[in-house]
Amino acid sequence: MSDAERIGDGLVRIGAMTEEQREEVLKIQNSGDDRMFGEIAVDLGYINDQAIMDYLDSKSF
């Protein structure tokens, strides 16, 4: 795992999101939405705050 891992990739890696969900969030961001990845994913119901905490825990060595 790299320190440069993007949150979307990490959420897919830990099984919190699907690749398709990650792509949808990125598409929304690329269309001009300036919210953070996690904020969009939560708003879409793809993840919850616990998934973000699990991702951050997975980055702890």
PDB file of N, CA and C in Angstrom:
ATOM      1  N   MET A   1       0.849  -1.185   0.000  1.00  0.00           N
ATOM      2  CA  MET A   1       0.000   0.000   0.000  1.00  0.00           C
ATOM      3  C   MET A   1       0.888   1.239   0.000  1.00  0.00           C
ATOM      4  N   SER A   2       0.523   2.192  -0.765  1.00  0.00           N
ATOM      5  CA  SER A   2       1.290   3.422  -0.907  1.00  0.00           C
ATOM      6  C   SER A   2       0.669   4.527  -0.063  1.00  0.00           C
ATOM      7  N   ASP A   3       1.513   5.447   0.421  1.00  0.00           N
ATOM      8  CA  ASP A   3       1.003   6.607   1.132  1.00  0.00           C
ATOM      9  C   ASP A   3       0.148   7.480   0.215  1.00  0.00           C
ATOM     10  N   ALA A   4       0.374   7.351  -1.089  1.00  0.00           N
ATOM     11  CA  ALA A   4      -0.348   8.158  -2.055  1.00  0.00           C
ATOM     12  C   ALA A   4      -1.682   7.527  -2.469  1.00  0.00           C
ATOM     13  N   GLU A   5      -2.087   6.437  -1.813  1.00  0.00           N
ATOM     14  CA  GLU A   5      -3.348   5.785  -2.162  1.00  0.00           C
ATOM     15  C   GLU A   5      -4.498   6.782  -2.006  1.00  0.00           C
ATOM     16  N   ARG A   6      -5.325   6.831  -3.007  1.00  0.00           N
ATOM     17  CA  ARG A   6      -6.499   7.698  -2.957  1.00  0.00           C
ATOM     18  C   ARG A   6      -7.579   7.021  -2.119  1.00  0.00           C
ATOM     19  N   ILE A   7      -8.403   7.823  -1.448  1.00  0.00           N
ATOM     20  CA  ILE A   7      -9.410   7.264  -0.552  1.00  0.00           C
ATOM     21  C   ILE A   7     -10.366   6.324  -1.295  1.00  0.00           C
ATOM     22  N   GLY A   8     -10.743   6.672  -2.512  1.00  0.00           N
ATOM     23  CA  GLY A   8     -11.646   5.796  -3.266  1.00  0.00           C
ATOM     24  C   GLY A   8     -11.036   4.434  -3.512  1.00  0.00           C
ATOM     25  N   ASP A   9      -9.753   4.411  -3.865  1.00  0.00           N
ATOM     26  CA  ASP A   9      -9.066   3.141  -4.074  1.00  0.00           C
ATOM     27  C   ASP A   9      -9.005   2.346  -2.777  1.00  0.00           C
ATOM     28  N   GLY A  10      -8.744   3.048  -1.678  1.00  0.00           N
ATOM     29  CA  GLY A  10      -8.672   2.373  -0.380  1.00  0.00           C
ATOM     30  C   GLY A  10     -10.004   1.810   0.053  1.00  0.00           C
ATOM     31  N   LEU A  11     -11.083   2.550  -0.188  1.00  0.00           N
ATOM     32  CA  LEU A  11     -12.412   2.059   0.180  1.00  0.00           C
ATOM     33  C   LEU A  11     -12.799   0.842  -0.639  1.00  0.00           C
ATOM     34  N   VAL A  12     -12.378   0.806  -1.892  1.00  0.00           N
ATOM     35  CA  VAL A  12     -12.608  -0.388  -2.712  1.00  0.00           C
ATOM     36  C   VAL A  12     -11.746  -1.528  -2.173  1.00  0.00           C
ATOM     37  N   ARG A  13     -10.502  -1.244  -1.831  1.00  0.00           N
ATOM     38  CA  ARG A  13      -9.568  -2.269  -1.334  1.00  0.00           C
ATOM     39  C   ARG A  13     -10.093  -2.955  -0.076  1.00  0.00           C
ATOM     40  N   ILE A  14     -10.702  -2.178   0.835  1.00  0.00           N
ATOM     41  CA  ILE A  14     -11.199  -2.792   2.075  1.00  0.00           C
ATOM     42  C   ILE A  14     -12.616  -3.342   1.926  1.00  0.00           C
ATOM     43  N   GLY A  15     -13.192  -3.210   0.735  1.00  0.00           N
ATOM     44  CA  GLY A  15     -14.517  -3.774   0.480  1.00  0.00           C
ATOM     45  C   GLY A  15     -15.676  -2.891   0.902  1.00  0.00           C
ATOM     46  N   ALA A  16     -15.408  -1.630   1.202  1.00  0.00           N
ATOM     47  CA  ALA A  16     -16.481  -0.723   1.638  1.00  0.00           C
ATOM     48  C   ALA A  16     -17.280  -0.165   0.467  1.00  0.00           C
ATOM     49  N   MET A  17     -16.668  -0.151  -0.714  1.00  0.00           N
ATOM     50  CA  MET A  17     -17.326   0.353  -1.923  1.00  0.00           C
ATOM     51  C   MET A  17     -16.980  -0.571  -3.080  1.00  0.00           C
ATOM     52  N   THR A  18     -17.819  -0.531  -4.098  1.00  0.00           N
ATOM     53  CA  THR A  18     -17.495  -1.261  -5.326  1.00  0.00           C
ATOM     54  C   THR A  18     -16.722  -0.339  -6.258  1.00  0.00           C
ATOM     55  N   GLU A  19     -16.073  -0.930  -7.229  1.00  0.00           N
ATOM     56  CA  GLU A  19     -15.363  -0.152  -8.249  1.00  0.00           C
ATOM     57  C   GLU A  19     -16.331   0.770  -8.982  1.00  0.00           C
ATOM     58  N   GLU A  20     -17.545   0.285  -9.241  1.00  0.00           N
ATOM     59  CA  GLU A  20     -18.543   1.088  -9.947  1.00  0.00           C
ATOM     60  C   GLU A  20     -18.955   2.302  -9.121  1.00  0.00           C
ATOM     61  N   GLN A  21     -19.103   2.115  -7.805  1.00  0.00           N
ATOM     62  CA  GLN A  21     -19.448   3.240  -6.947  1.00  0.00           C
ATOM     63  C   GLN A  21     -18.317   4.269  -6.934  1.00  0.00           C
ATOM     64  N   ARG A  22     -17.075   3.792  -6.881  1.00  0.00           N
ATOM     65  CA  ARG A  22     -15.927   4.695  -6.906  1.00  0.00           C
ATOM     66  C   ARG A  22     -15.936   5.521  -8.186  1.00  0.00           C
ATOM     67  N   GLU A  23     -16.178   4.858  -9.301  1.00  0.00           N
ATOM     68  CA  GLU A  23     -16.214   5.553 -10.587  1.00  0.00           C
ATOM     69  C   GLU A  23     -17.324   6.599 -10.631  1.00  0.00           C
ATOM     70  N   GLU A  24     -18.469   6.295 -10.044  1.00  0.00           N
ATOM     71  CA  GLU A  24     -19.583   7.247 -10.029  1.00  0.00           C
ATOM     72  C   GLU A  24     -19.218   8.495  -9.234  1.00  0.00           C
ATOM     73  N   VAL A  25     -18.579   8.309  -8.077  1.00  0.00           N
ATOM     74  CA  VAL A  25     -18.170   9.468  -7.273  1.00  0.00           C
ATOM     75  C   VAL A  25     -17.155  10.306  -8.046  1.00  0.00           C
ATOM     76  N   LEU A  26     -16.198   9.662  -8.691  1.00  0.00           N
ATOM     77  CA  LEU A  26     -15.196  10.392  -9.467  1.00  0.00           C
ATOM     78  C   LEU A  26     -15.838  11.148 -10.618  1.00  0.00           C
ATOM     79  N   LYS A  27     -16.844  10.535 -11.243  1.00  0.00           N
ATOM     80  CA  LYS A  27     -17.553  11.203 -12.335  1.00  0.00           C
ATOM     81  C   LYS A  27     -18.246  12.473 -11.828  1.00  0.00           C
ATOM     82  N   ILE A  28     -18.848  12.383 -10.654  1.00  0.00           N
ATOM     83  CA  ILE A  28     -19.505  13.546 -10.060  1.00  0.00           C
ATOM     84  C   ILE A  28     -18.477  14.631  -9.768  1.00  0.00           C
ATOM     85  N   GLN A  29     -17.330  14.240  -9.187  1.00  0.00           N
ATOM     86  CA  GLN A  29     -16.279  15.225  -8.911  1.00  0.00           C
ATOM     87  C   GLN A  29     -15.785  15.875 -10.208  1.00  0.00           C
ATOM     88  N   ASN A  30     -15.584  15.056 -11.229  1.00  0.00           N
ATOM     89  CA  ASN A  30     -15.062  15.572 -12.499  1.00  0.00           C
ATOM     90  C   ASN A  30     -16.050  16.478 -13.215  1.00  0.00           C
ATOM     91  N   SER A  31     -17.338  16.379 -12.853  1.00  0.00           N
ATOM     92  CA  SER A  31     -18.338  17.248 -13.477  1.00  0.00           C
ATOM     93  C   SER A  31     -18.407  18.610 -12.797  1.00  0.00           C
ATOM     94  N   GLY A  32     -17.538  18.828 -11.796  1.00  0.00           N
ATOM     95  CA  GLY A  32     -17.479  20.140 -11.181  1.00  0.00           C
ATOM     96  C   GLY A  32     -17.868  20.202  -9.719  1.00  0.00           C
ATOM     97  N   ASP A  33     -18.294  19.091  -9.138  1.00  0.00           N
ATOM     98  CA  ASP A  33     -18.638  19.061  -7.715  1.00  0.00           C
ATOM     99  C   ASP A  33     -17.340  19.129  -6.913  1.00  0.00           C
ATOM    100  N   ASP A  34     -17.200  20.134  -6.073  1.00  0.00           N
ATOM    101  CA  ASP A  34     -15.934  20.312  -5.360  1.00  0.00           C
ATOM    102  C   ASP A  34     -15.916  19.704  -3.960  1.00  0.00           C
ATOM    103  N   ARG A  35     -16.943  18.903  -3.639  1.00  0.00           N
ATOM    104  CA  ARG A  35     -16.942  18.230  -2.339  1.00  0.00           C
ATOM    105  C   ARG A  35     -15.867  17.141  -2.311  1.00  0.00           C
ATOM    106  N   MET A  36     -15.473  16.776  -1.102  1.00  0.00           N
ATOM    107  CA  MET A  36     -14.499  15.699  -0.950  1.00  0.00           C
ATOM    108  C   MET A  36     -15.130  14.364  -1.341  1.00  0.00           C
ATOM    109  N   PHE A  37     -14.267  13.423  -1.754  1.00  0.00           N
ATOM    110  CA  PHE A  37     -14.722  12.111  -2.199  1.00  0.00           C
ATOM    111  C   PHE A  37     -15.652  11.466  -1.167  1.00  0.00           C
ATOM    112  N   GLY A  38     -15.203  11.438   0.091  1.00  0.00           N
ATOM    113  CA  GLY A  38     -15.992  10.780   1.136  1.00  0.00           C
ATOM    114  C   GLY A  38     -17.343  11.425   1.350  1.00  0.00           C
ATOM    115  N   GLU A  39     -17.397  12.742   1.228  1.00  0.00           N
ATOM    116  CA  GLU A  39     -18.660  13.460   1.417  1.00  0.00           C
ATOM    117  C   GLU A  39     -19.674  13.058   0.345  1.00  0.00           C
ATOM    118  N   ILE A  40     -19.227  12.990  -0.888  1.00  0.00           N
ATOM    119  CA  ILE A  40     -20.121  12.579  -1.981  1.00  0.00           C
ATOM    120  C   ILE A  40     -20.567  11.140  -1.775  1.00  0.00           C
ATOM    121  N   ALA A  41     -19.622  10.268  -1.438  1.00  0.00           N
ATOM    122  CA  ALA A  41     -19.942   8.848  -1.256  1.00  0.00           C
ATOM    123  C   ALA A  41     -20.952   8.645  -0.127  1.00  0.00           C
ATOM    124  N   VAL A  42     -20.820   9.400   0.961  1.00  0.00           N
ATOM    125  CA  VAL A  42     -21.783   9.318   2.063  1.00  0.00           C
ATOM    126  C   VAL A  42     -23.143   9.826   1.602  1.00  0.00           C
ATOM    127  N   ASP A  43     -23.163  10.970   0.907  1.00  0.00           N
ATOM    128  CA  ASP A  43     -24.429  11.533   0.426  1.00  0.00           C
ATOM    129  C   ASP A  43     -25.159  10.579  -0.513  1.00  0.00           C
ATOM    130  N   LEU A  44     -24.411   9.816  -1.292  1.00  0.00           N
ATOM    131  CA  LEU A  44     -25.019   8.843  -2.210  1.00  0.00           C
ATOM    132  C   LEU A  44     -25.443   7.563  -1.494  1.00  0.00           C
ATOM    133  N   GLY A  45     -25.055   7.425  -0.236  1.00  0.00           N
ATOM    134  CA  GLY A  45     -25.410   6.234   0.528  1.00  0.00           C
ATOM    135  C   GLY A  45     -24.491   5.043   0.263  1.00  0.00           C
ATOM    136  N   TYR A  46     -23.364   5.279  -0.382  1.00  0.00           N
ATOM    137  CA  TYR A  46     -22.435   4.200  -0.693  1.00  0.00           C
ATOM    138  C   TYR A  46     -21.658   3.752   0.538  1.00  0.00           C
ATOM    139  N   ILE A  47     -21.322   4.705   1.399  1.00  0.00           N
ATOM    140  CA  ILE A  47     -20.565   4.409   2.613  1.00  0.00           C
ATOM    141  C   ILE A  47     -21.145   5.212   3.757  1.00  0.00           C
ATOM    142  N   ASN A  48     -20.670   4.901   4.961  1.00  0.00           N
ATOM    143  CA  ASN A  48     -21.030   5.695   6.133  1.00  0.00           C
ATOM    144  C   ASN A  48     -19.746   6.115   6.835  1.00  0.00           C
ATOM    145  N   ASP A  49     -19.895   6.863   7.905  1.00  0.00           N
ATOM    146  CA  ASP A  49     -18.717   7.345   8.621  1.00  0.00           C
ATOM    147  C   ASP A  49     -17.836   6.196   9.109  1.00  0.00           C
ATOM    148  N   GLN A  50     -18.455   5.071   9.464  1.00  0.00           N
ATOM    149  CA  GLN A  50     -17.679   3.929   9.938  1.00  0.00           C
ATOM    150  C   GLN A  50     -16.767   3.400   8.840  1.00  0.00           C
ATOM    151  N   ALA A  51     -17.228   3.401   7.607  1.00  0.00           N
ATOM    152  CA  ALA A  51     -16.383   2.938   6.497  1.00  0.00           C
ATOM    153  C   ALA A  51     -15.156   3.821   6.353  1.00  0.00           C
ATOM    154  N   ILE A  52     -15.329   5.119   6.541  1.00  0.00           N
ATOM    155  CA  ILE A  52     -14.185   6.028   6.462  1.00  0.00           C
ATOM    156  C   ILE A  52     -13.220   5.742   7.609  1.00  0.00           C
ATOM    157  N   MET A  53     -13.749   5.511   8.805  1.00  0.00           N
ATOM    158  CA  MET A  53     -12.889   5.174   9.939  1.00  0.00           C
ATOM    159  C   MET A  53     -12.154   3.855   9.695  1.00  0.00           C
ATOM    160  N   ASP A  54     -12.853   2.877   9.127  1.00  0.00           N
ATOM    161  CA  ASP A  54     -12.214   1.595   8.814  1.00  0.00           C
ATOM    162  C   ASP A  54     -11.083   1.789   7.811  1.00  0.00           C
ATOM    163  N   TYR A  55     -11.311   2.645   6.829  1.00  0.00           N
ATOM    164  CA  TYR A  55     -10.266   2.925   5.841  1.00  0.00           C
ATOM    165  C   TYR A  55      -9.064   3.565   6.526  1.00  0.00           C
ATOM    166  N   LEU A  56      -9.317   4.563   7.361  1.00  0.00           N
ATOM    167  CA  LEU A  56      -8.205   5.226   8.043  1.00  0.00           C
ATOM    168  C   LEU A  56      -7.458   4.248   8.940  1.00  0.00           C
ATOM    169  N   ASP A  57      -8.180   3.360   9.608  1.00  0.00           N
ATOM    170  CA  ASP A  57      -7.536   2.333  10.438  1.00  0.00           C
ATOM    171  C   ASP A  57      -6.687   1.406   9.592  1.00  0.00           C
ATOM    172  N   SER A  58      -7.123   1.117   8.366  1.00  0.00           N
ATOM    173  CA  SER A  58      -6.382   0.197   7.489  1.00  0.00           C
ATOM    174  C   SER A  58      -5.062   0.814   7.044  1.00  0.00           C
ATOM    175  N   LYS A  59      -4.951   2.125   7.130  1.00  0.00           N
ATOM    176  CA  LYS A  59      -3.724   2.805   6.731  1.00  0.00           C
ATOM    177  C   LYS A  59      -2.715   2.888   7.872  1.00  0.00           C
ATOM    178  N   SER A  60      -3.149   2.563   9.083  1.00  0.00           N
ATOM    179  CA  SER A  60      -2.245   2.573  10.240  1.00  0.00           C
ATOM    180  C   SER A  60      -1.337   1.355  10.179  1.00  0.00           C
ATOM    181  N   PHE A  61      -0.092   1.568  10.440  1.00  0.00           N
ATOM    182  CA  PHE A  61       0.852   0.467  10.348  1.00  0.00           C
ATOM    183  C   PHE A  61       1.210   0.010  11.735  1.00  0.00           C
TER     184      PHE A  61
END
